[in-house]
């Protein structure tokens, strides 16, 4: 429906269980042959993804390597995701997965927020608690001038996690 509105670009920012809905929608779009919404799909930011790691990998295999890397905001001390994984039969969640290189091989940019402080006791909203990160994500979403600036902002977002 969004692609039919006349929007030039559609950016997606999803959190927690919303990332599963987002990925499933993107997977289904890939099946239809319109994985980038006729060129309108912009940035995809998945914050604290509450998705089984194997399901995510399967979704990414079906979707294929994105033209612009999806940004995954993860934290290995996300207690909400740890609880979700236990409820799901001790299945690891993408949002607290510790093998960034494994995920990156699917064409995603992994930003590890594990060293950042969170304001909630579950450490599940770290991405929203960090004003610098929120500003960088906002800047990236405002940019619509091609891949060069996208890489620059993505690089700065990734560097934030290593400071």
N, C-alpha and C. Protein backbone atom coordinates (compact mmCIF):
# COMPACT_ATOMS: atom_id res chain seq x y z
N UNK A 1 0.82 -1.19 0.00
CA UNK A 1 0.00 0.00 0.00
C UNK A 1 0.87 1.26 0.00
N UNK A 2 1.96 1.23 0.77
CA UNK A 2 2.83 2.40 0.81
C UNK A 2 3.44 2.71 -0.55
N UNK A 3 3.82 1.66 -1.27
CA UNK A 3 4.45 1.86 -2.57
C UNK A 3 3.48 2.51 -3.55
N UNK A 4 2.18 2.39 -3.35
CA UNK A 4 1.19 2.95 -4.25
C UNK A 4 0.79 4.37 -3.88
N UNK A 5 1.37 4.95 -2.83
CA UNK A 5 0.97 6.27 -2.37
C UNK A 5 1.63 7.40 -3.13
N UNK A 6 2.61 7.10 -3.93
CA UNK A 6 3.35 8.15 -4.61
C UNK A 6 4.61 8.56 -3.86
N UNK A 7 4.89 7.90 -2.74
CA UNK A 7 6.12 8.20 -1.99
C UNK A 7 7.32 7.89 -2.86
N UNK A 8 8.33 8.74 -2.79
CA UNK A 8 9.56 8.49 -3.54
C UNK A 8 10.42 7.44 -2.87
N UNK A 9 10.35 7.39 -1.54
CA UNK A 9 11.23 6.50 -0.79
C UNK A 9 10.49 6.02 0.45
N UNK A 10 10.70 4.75 0.78
CA UNK A 10 10.08 4.17 1.96
C UNK A 10 11.18 3.61 2.85
N UNK A 11 11.37 4.24 4.00
CA UNK A 11 12.32 3.77 5.00
C UNK A 11 11.55 3.01 6.06
N UNK A 12 12.20 1.99 6.62
CA UNK A 12 11.57 1.18 7.65
C UNK A 12 12.47 1.16 8.89
N UNK A 13 11.89 1.52 10.03
CA UNK A 13 12.56 1.36 11.31
C UNK A 13 11.65 0.49 12.15
N UNK A 14 12.14 -0.68 12.53
CA UNK A 14 11.32 -1.63 13.29
C UNK A 14 12.06 -2.02 14.55
N UNK A 15 11.29 -2.33 15.59
CA UNK A 15 11.86 -2.71 16.88
C UNK A 15 11.25 -4.01 17.36
N UNK A 16 12.07 -4.86 17.94
CA UNK A 16 11.66 -6.06 18.64
C UNK A 16 10.81 -6.98 17.75
N UNK A 17 9.58 -7.29 18.16
CA UNK A 17 8.72 -8.18 17.36
C UNK A 17 8.33 -7.55 16.03
N UNK A 18 8.36 -6.23 15.95
CA UNK A 18 8.07 -5.56 14.68
C UNK A 18 9.10 -5.89 13.61
N UNK A 19 10.29 -6.30 14.03
CA UNK A 19 11.31 -6.67 13.04
C UNK A 19 10.94 -7.98 12.35
N UNK A 20 10.26 -8.87 13.08
CA UNK A 20 9.83 -10.12 12.46
C UNK A 20 8.80 -9.83 11.37
N UNK A 21 7.83 -8.99 11.68
CA UNK A 21 6.80 -8.62 10.69
C UNK A 21 7.47 -7.96 9.48
N UNK A 22 8.42 -7.08 9.74
CA UNK A 22 9.13 -6.40 8.66
C UNK A 22 9.87 -7.40 7.77
N UNK A 23 10.63 -8.29 8.39
CA UNK A 23 11.40 -9.25 7.60
C UNK A 23 10.50 -10.20 6.83
N UNK A 24 9.41 -10.61 7.44
CA UNK A 24 8.49 -11.51 6.75
C UNK A 24 7.85 -10.80 5.55
N UNK A 25 7.54 -9.53 5.70
CA UNK A 25 6.99 -8.75 4.58
C UNK A 25 8.02 -8.62 3.47
N UNK A 26 9.26 -8.32 3.82
CA UNK A 26 10.32 -8.21 2.81
C UNK A 26 10.56 -9.54 2.11
N UNK A 27 10.51 -10.63 2.88
CA UNK A 27 10.67 -11.96 2.28
C UNK A 27 9.56 -12.22 1.27
N UNK A 28 8.34 -11.88 1.63
CA UNK A 28 7.22 -12.10 0.71
C UNK A 28 7.31 -11.21 -0.52
N UNK A 29 7.81 -9.97 -0.34
CA UNK A 29 8.02 -9.11 -1.50
C UNK A 29 9.04 -9.72 -2.45
N UNK A 30 10.09 -10.32 -1.89
CA UNK A 30 11.11 -10.96 -2.73
C UNK A 30 10.49 -12.10 -3.53
N UNK A 31 9.59 -12.85 -2.93
CA UNK A 31 8.93 -13.95 -3.63
C UNK A 31 8.13 -13.42 -4.82
N UNK A 32 7.51 -12.25 -4.65
CA UNK A 32 6.71 -11.66 -5.74
C UNK A 32 7.58 -11.03 -6.82
N UNK A 33 8.87 -10.88 -6.54
CA UNK A 33 9.77 -10.28 -7.52
C UNK A 33 9.90 -8.77 -7.39
N UNK A 34 9.37 -8.19 -6.32
CA UNK A 34 9.46 -6.74 -6.12
C UNK A 34 10.06 -6.44 -4.75
N UNK A 35 11.24 -6.98 -4.50
CA UNK A 35 11.84 -6.89 -3.18
C UNK A 35 12.21 -5.47 -2.76
N UNK A 36 12.36 -4.56 -3.71
CA UNK A 36 12.73 -3.19 -3.35
C UNK A 36 11.60 -2.20 -3.59
N UNK A 37 10.37 -2.69 -3.65
CA UNK A 37 9.18 -1.85 -3.82
C UNK A 37 9.33 -0.93 -5.04
N UNK A 38 9.71 -1.54 -6.16
CA UNK A 38 9.91 -0.80 -7.42
C UNK A 38 10.92 0.33 -7.25
N UNK A 39 11.97 0.05 -6.49
CA UNK A 39 13.04 1.03 -6.30
C UNK A 39 12.78 2.03 -5.19
N UNK A 40 11.67 1.92 -4.48
CA UNK A 40 11.32 2.89 -3.45
C UNK A 40 11.84 2.53 -2.05
N UNK A 41 12.27 1.28 -1.87
CA UNK A 41 12.74 0.87 -0.54
C UNK A 41 14.04 1.59 -0.23
N UNK A 42 14.01 2.32 0.86
CA UNK A 42 15.20 3.05 1.30
C UNK A 42 15.95 2.24 2.33
N UNK A 43 16.03 2.78 3.52
CA UNK A 43 16.77 2.14 4.59
C UNK A 43 15.88 1.21 5.41
N UNK A 44 16.48 0.14 5.87
CA UNK A 44 15.80 -0.79 6.77
C UNK A 44 16.66 -0.88 8.02
N UNK A 45 16.10 -0.43 9.14
CA UNK A 45 16.78 -0.46 10.43
C UNK A 45 16.01 -1.41 11.33
N UNK A 46 16.70 -2.44 11.81
CA UNK A 46 16.09 -3.43 12.70
C UNK A 46 16.75 -3.30 14.07
N UNK A 47 15.99 -2.79 15.04
CA UNK A 47 16.51 -2.54 16.38
C UNK A 47 16.04 -3.64 17.33
N UNK A 48 16.98 -4.23 18.04
CA UNK A 48 16.69 -5.31 18.99
C UNK A 48 15.80 -6.37 18.36
N UNK A 49 16.21 -6.92 17.22
CA UNK A 49 15.33 -7.85 16.50
C UNK A 49 14.99 -9.11 17.30
N UNK A 50 13.71 -9.30 17.54
CA UNK A 50 13.23 -10.49 18.25
C UNK A 50 12.81 -11.52 17.20
N UNK A 51 13.83 -12.05 16.53
CA UNK A 51 13.63 -13.05 15.47
C UNK A 51 14.59 -14.20 15.77
N UNK A 52 14.12 -15.41 15.65
CA UNK A 52 14.99 -16.58 15.76
C UNK A 52 16.11 -16.42 14.71
N UNK A 53 17.34 -16.66 15.10
CA UNK A 53 18.49 -16.48 14.20
C UNK A 53 18.34 -17.32 12.93
N UNK A 54 17.94 -18.58 13.06
CA UNK A 54 17.80 -19.43 11.87
C UNK A 54 16.67 -18.94 10.96
N UNK A 55 15.59 -18.45 11.54
CA UNK A 55 14.49 -17.89 10.74
C UNK A 55 14.99 -16.66 9.99
N UNK A 56 15.74 -15.78 10.67
CA UNK A 56 16.28 -14.59 10.03
C UNK A 56 17.18 -14.95 8.84
N UNK A 57 18.05 -15.92 9.05
CA UNK A 57 18.94 -16.34 7.97
C UNK A 57 18.14 -16.87 6.79
N UNK A 58 17.11 -17.62 7.07
CA UNK A 58 16.24 -18.13 6.01
C UNK A 58 15.54 -16.99 5.28
N UNK A 59 15.06 -16.01 6.02
CA UNK A 59 14.41 -14.85 5.41
C UNK A 59 15.41 -14.09 4.53
N UNK A 60 16.63 -13.92 5.01
CA UNK A 60 17.64 -13.20 4.23
C UNK A 60 18.05 -13.98 2.99
N UNK A 61 18.13 -15.31 3.10
CA UNK A 61 18.46 -16.10 1.90
C UNK A 61 17.37 -15.90 0.84
N UNK A 62 16.12 -15.89 1.26
CA UNK A 62 15.02 -15.70 0.31
C UNK A 62 15.03 -14.28 -0.25
N UNK A 63 15.30 -13.30 0.63
CA UNK A 63 15.32 -11.90 0.19
C UNK A 63 16.52 -11.65 -0.72
N UNK A 64 17.65 -12.21 -0.39
CA UNK A 64 18.89 -11.96 -1.13
C UNK A 64 19.65 -10.82 -0.49
N UNK A 65 20.88 -10.64 -0.94
CA UNK A 65 21.70 -9.57 -0.39
C UNK A 65 21.06 -8.23 -0.74
N UNK A 66 20.78 -7.40 0.25
CA UNK A 66 20.14 -6.10 -0.04
C UNK A 66 21.05 -5.19 -0.85
N UNK A 67 20.45 -4.35 -1.67
CA UNK A 67 21.24 -3.38 -2.44
C UNK A 67 21.94 -2.41 -1.50
N UNK A 68 21.26 -2.02 -0.44
CA UNK A 68 21.84 -1.20 0.62
C UNK A 68 21.72 -2.03 1.89
N UNK A 69 22.82 -2.19 2.62
CA UNK A 69 22.77 -3.07 3.79
C UNK A 69 21.69 -2.67 4.79
N UNK A 70 20.99 -3.65 5.30
CA UNK A 70 20.08 -3.42 6.41
C UNK A 70 20.96 -3.13 7.63
N UNK A 71 20.48 -2.30 8.53
CA UNK A 71 21.22 -1.98 9.75
C UNK A 71 20.58 -2.74 10.90
N UNK A 72 21.37 -3.59 11.56
CA UNK A 72 20.90 -4.34 12.73
C UNK A 72 21.53 -3.74 13.97
N UNK A 73 20.71 -3.32 14.92
CA UNK A 73 21.18 -2.77 16.18
C UNK A 73 21.00 -3.85 17.25
N UNK A 74 22.13 -4.39 17.73
CA UNK A 74 22.12 -5.54 18.62
C UNK A 74 22.77 -5.21 19.96
N UNK A 75 22.47 -6.02 20.96
CA UNK A 75 23.13 -5.91 22.25
C UNK A 75 23.08 -7.27 22.94
N UNK A 76 24.24 -7.78 23.31
CA UNK A 76 24.25 -9.13 23.90
C UNK A 76 23.78 -9.14 25.35
N UNK A 77 23.44 -7.96 25.90
CA UNK A 77 22.89 -7.95 27.26
C UNK A 77 21.40 -7.56 27.26
N UNK A 78 20.73 -7.80 26.15
CA UNK A 78 19.30 -7.51 26.03
C UNK A 78 18.54 -8.63 26.74
N UNK A 79 18.09 -8.34 27.95
CA UNK A 79 17.43 -9.37 28.76
C UNK A 79 16.03 -9.71 28.26
N UNK A 80 15.37 -8.79 27.60
CA UNK A 80 14.05 -9.10 27.03
C UNK A 80 14.20 -10.15 25.94
N UNK A 81 15.24 -10.04 25.13
CA UNK A 81 15.47 -11.02 24.07
C UNK A 81 15.93 -12.36 24.64
N UNK A 82 16.68 -12.29 25.71
CA UNK A 82 17.10 -13.54 26.36
C UNK A 82 15.87 -14.30 26.86
N UNK A 83 14.94 -13.59 27.46
CA UNK A 83 13.70 -14.20 27.93
C UNK A 83 12.88 -14.74 26.75
N UNK A 84 12.80 -13.96 25.69
CA UNK A 84 12.07 -14.41 24.49
C UNK A 84 12.68 -15.69 23.94
N UNK A 85 14.00 -15.75 23.91
CA UNK A 85 14.68 -16.95 23.43
C UNK A 85 14.39 -18.17 24.29
N UNK A 86 14.34 -17.98 25.60
CA UNK A 86 14.00 -19.08 26.51
C UNK A 86 12.58 -19.56 26.27
N UNK A 87 11.66 -18.62 26.12
CA UNK A 87 10.26 -18.98 25.87
C UNK A 87 10.13 -19.74 24.55
N UNK A 88 10.97 -19.39 23.59
CA UNK A 88 10.93 -20.03 22.27
C UNK A 88 11.70 -21.34 22.22
N UNK A 89 12.04 -21.89 23.37
CA UNK A 89 12.74 -23.17 23.39
C UNK A 89 14.24 -23.04 23.33
N UNK A 90 14.77 -22.01 23.98
CA UNK A 90 16.22 -21.75 24.02
C UNK A 90 16.79 -21.49 22.63
N UNK A 91 16.03 -20.75 21.84
CA UNK A 91 16.45 -20.39 20.48
C UNK A 91 17.06 -18.98 20.52
N UNK A 92 18.28 -18.79 20.02
CA UNK A 92 18.89 -17.46 20.04
C UNK A 92 18.13 -16.48 19.17
N UNK A 93 18.08 -15.22 19.63
CA UNK A 93 17.43 -14.15 18.90
C UNK A 93 18.50 -13.34 18.17
N UNK A 94 18.12 -12.74 17.06
CA UNK A 94 19.06 -11.93 16.28
C UNK A 94 19.57 -10.77 17.13
N UNK A 95 18.71 -10.17 17.92
CA UNK A 95 19.07 -8.97 18.68
C UNK A 95 20.10 -9.16 19.76
N UNK A 96 20.36 -10.39 20.17
CA UNK A 96 21.44 -10.61 21.15
C UNK A 96 22.44 -11.66 20.66
N UNK A 97 22.44 -11.88 19.36
CA UNK A 97 23.34 -12.85 18.73
C UNK A 97 24.77 -12.30 18.77
N UNK A 98 25.70 -13.15 19.06
CA UNK A 98 27.08 -12.68 19.28
C UNK A 98 28.00 -12.84 18.08
N UNK A 99 27.51 -13.38 16.98
CA UNK A 99 28.37 -13.60 15.82
C UNK A 99 28.03 -12.59 14.72
N UNK A 100 28.56 -11.38 14.88
CA UNK A 100 28.28 -10.29 13.94
C UNK A 100 28.74 -10.64 12.52
N UNK A 101 29.87 -11.31 12.39
CA UNK A 101 30.39 -11.67 11.06
C UNK A 101 29.44 -12.62 10.35
N UNK A 102 28.85 -13.53 11.07
CA UNK A 102 27.88 -14.46 10.49
C UNK A 102 26.70 -13.68 9.91
N UNK A 103 26.15 -12.75 10.68
CA UNK A 103 25.02 -11.95 10.20
C UNK A 103 25.43 -11.05 9.04
N UNK A 104 26.62 -10.45 9.14
CA UNK A 104 27.09 -9.54 8.09
C UNK A 104 27.22 -10.26 6.75
N UNK A 105 27.46 -11.55 6.77
CA UNK A 105 27.61 -12.29 5.52
C UNK A 105 26.31 -12.31 4.71
N UNK A 106 25.19 -11.93 5.34
CA UNK A 106 23.91 -11.87 4.64
C UNK A 106 23.63 -10.48 4.08
N UNK A 107 24.59 -9.59 4.17
CA UNK A 107 24.44 -8.25 3.60
C UNK A 107 23.84 -7.24 4.55
N UNK A 108 24.07 -7.44 5.84
CA UNK A 108 23.56 -6.49 6.83
C UNK A 108 24.74 -5.82 7.52
N UNK A 109 24.51 -4.62 8.02
CA UNK A 109 25.50 -3.91 8.83
C UNK A 109 25.11 -4.10 10.28
N UNK A 110 26.00 -4.70 11.04
CA UNK A 110 25.72 -5.00 12.44
C UNK A 110 26.35 -3.92 13.31
N UNK A 111 25.52 -3.31 14.16
CA UNK A 111 25.99 -2.32 15.12
C UNK A 111 25.76 -2.90 16.51
N UNK A 112 26.85 -3.17 17.20
CA UNK A 112 26.79 -3.78 18.53
C UNK A 112 26.73 -2.69 19.58
N UNK A 113 25.62 -2.62 20.29
CA UNK A 113 25.42 -1.61 21.33
C UNK A 113 25.65 -2.18 22.73
N UNK A 114 26.31 -3.33 22.80
CA UNK A 114 26.48 -4.02 24.08
C UNK A 114 27.18 -3.15 25.13
N UNK A 115 28.09 -2.31 24.72
CA UNK A 115 28.85 -1.49 25.67
C UNK A 115 28.11 -0.21 26.05
N UNK A 116 27.03 0.08 25.36
CA UNK A 116 26.26 1.29 25.66
C UNK A 116 25.36 1.04 26.86
N UNK A 117 25.07 2.10 27.61
CA UNK A 117 24.15 1.99 28.75
C UNK A 117 22.73 2.13 28.25
N UNK A 118 21.85 1.34 28.84
CA UNK A 118 20.42 1.45 28.54
C UNK A 118 19.69 2.04 29.75
N UNK A 119 18.55 2.66 29.50
CA UNK A 119 17.82 3.26 30.61
C UNK A 119 16.76 2.32 31.18
N UNK A 120 16.42 1.26 30.42
CA UNK A 120 15.44 0.31 30.95
C UNK A 120 16.18 -0.89 31.53
N UNK A 121 15.60 -1.53 32.50
CA UNK A 121 16.28 -2.63 33.19
C UNK A 121 16.50 -3.84 32.30
N UNK A 122 15.81 -3.91 31.18
CA UNK A 122 15.97 -5.05 30.27
C UNK A 122 16.98 -4.77 29.16
N UNK A 123 17.47 -3.54 29.06
CA UNK A 123 18.41 -3.15 28.00
C UNK A 123 17.83 -3.40 26.61
N UNK A 124 16.54 -3.23 26.48
CA UNK A 124 15.87 -3.54 25.22
C UNK A 124 15.64 -2.32 24.32
N UNK A 125 15.87 -1.14 24.85
CA UNK A 125 15.63 0.08 24.06
C UNK A 125 16.89 0.95 23.96
N UNK A 126 18.04 0.33 23.99
CA UNK A 126 19.29 1.08 23.95
C UNK A 126 19.39 2.00 22.74
N UNK A 127 18.90 1.55 21.60
CA UNK A 127 18.98 2.37 20.38
C UNK A 127 18.23 3.69 20.57
N UNK A 128 17.13 3.68 21.28
CA UNK A 128 16.33 4.89 21.48
C UNK A 128 16.85 5.73 22.64
N UNK A 129 17.63 5.14 23.53
CA UNK A 129 18.16 5.84 24.69
C UNK A 129 19.42 6.64 24.36
N UNK A 130 19.99 6.43 23.20
CA UNK A 130 21.26 7.04 22.84
C UNK A 130 21.01 8.21 21.88
N UNK A 131 21.06 9.45 22.38
CA UNK A 131 20.73 10.59 21.52
C UNK A 131 21.65 10.73 20.29
N UNK A 132 22.91 10.35 20.43
CA UNK A 132 23.83 10.43 19.28
C UNK A 132 23.40 9.44 18.20
N UNK A 133 23.06 8.23 18.60
CA UNK A 133 22.62 7.21 17.65
C UNK A 133 21.30 7.62 16.99
N UNK A 134 20.36 8.12 17.78
CA UNK A 134 19.07 8.56 17.23
C UNK A 134 19.30 9.67 16.19
N UNK A 135 20.17 10.59 16.50
CA UNK A 135 20.48 11.68 15.56
C UNK A 135 21.10 11.12 14.27
N UNK A 136 22.02 10.18 14.40
CA UNK A 136 22.65 9.59 13.22
C UNK A 136 21.65 8.82 12.37
N UNK A 137 20.77 8.07 13.00
CA UNK A 137 19.75 7.34 12.25
C UNK A 137 18.84 8.33 11.54
N UNK A 138 18.44 9.37 12.25
CA UNK A 138 17.60 10.41 11.63
C UNK A 138 18.29 11.06 10.45
N UNK A 139 19.58 11.33 10.58
CA UNK A 139 20.34 11.93 9.49
C UNK A 139 20.37 10.99 8.29
N UNK A 140 20.60 9.73 8.56
CA UNK A 140 20.63 8.74 7.47
C UNK A 140 19.29 8.67 6.75
N UNK A 141 18.21 8.70 7.50
CA UNK A 141 16.89 8.61 6.89
C UNK A 141 16.55 9.86 6.08
N UNK A 142 17.10 11.00 6.46
CA UNK A 142 16.85 12.23 5.70
C UNK A 142 17.61 12.26 4.38
N UNK A 143 18.74 11.58 4.34
CA UNK A 143 19.57 11.60 3.14
C UNK A 143 18.93 10.76 2.05
N UNK A 144 18.88 11.32 0.88
CA UNK A 144 18.24 10.62 -0.24
C UNK A 144 19.04 10.86 -1.51
N UNK A 145 20.37 10.94 -1.36
CA UNK A 145 21.17 11.32 -2.51
C UNK A 145 22.15 10.24 -2.95
N UNK A 146 21.84 8.99 -2.71
CA UNK A 146 22.68 7.93 -3.25
C UNK A 146 23.51 7.22 -2.21
N UNK A 147 24.25 6.23 -2.68
CA UNK A 147 24.94 5.32 -1.78
C UNK A 147 26.14 5.92 -1.07
N UNK A 148 26.78 6.93 -1.65
CA UNK A 148 27.99 7.46 -1.02
C UNK A 148 27.69 8.02 0.37
N UNK A 149 26.68 8.86 0.48
CA UNK A 149 26.37 9.42 1.78
C UNK A 149 25.79 8.36 2.70
N UNK A 150 25.07 7.40 2.14
CA UNK A 150 24.52 6.31 2.94
C UNK A 150 25.66 5.56 3.62
N UNK A 151 26.70 5.26 2.88
CA UNK A 151 27.83 4.54 3.47
C UNK A 151 28.49 5.38 4.55
N UNK A 152 28.61 6.68 4.32
CA UNK A 152 29.26 7.56 5.29
C UNK A 152 28.50 7.54 6.62
N UNK A 153 27.20 7.70 6.59
CA UNK A 153 26.42 7.70 7.82
C UNK A 153 26.41 6.31 8.44
N UNK A 154 26.29 5.26 7.63
CA UNK A 154 26.35 3.90 8.16
C UNK A 154 27.68 3.65 8.86
N UNK A 155 28.76 4.13 8.24
CA UNK A 155 30.08 3.98 8.86
C UNK A 155 30.12 4.69 10.21
N UNK A 156 29.55 5.90 10.28
CA UNK A 156 29.55 6.64 11.54
C UNK A 156 28.68 5.93 12.59
N UNK A 157 27.55 5.37 12.18
CA UNK A 157 26.71 4.63 13.11
C UNK A 157 27.48 3.41 13.63
N UNK A 158 28.15 2.70 12.74
CA UNK A 158 28.93 1.53 13.15
C UNK A 158 30.06 1.93 14.09
N UNK A 159 30.71 3.05 13.83
CA UNK A 159 31.82 3.50 14.68
C UNK A 159 31.35 3.88 16.07
N UNK A 160 30.11 4.35 16.20
CA UNK A 160 29.57 4.70 17.50
C UNK A 160 29.66 3.52 18.45
N UNK A 161 29.39 2.34 17.96
CA UNK A 161 29.37 1.14 18.80
C UNK A 161 30.78 0.74 19.24
N UNK A 162 31.80 1.22 18.54
CA UNK A 162 33.16 0.84 18.89
C UNK A 162 33.88 1.89 19.73
N UNK A 163 33.20 2.99 20.03
CA UNK A 163 33.84 4.06 20.82
C UNK A 163 33.80 3.77 22.29
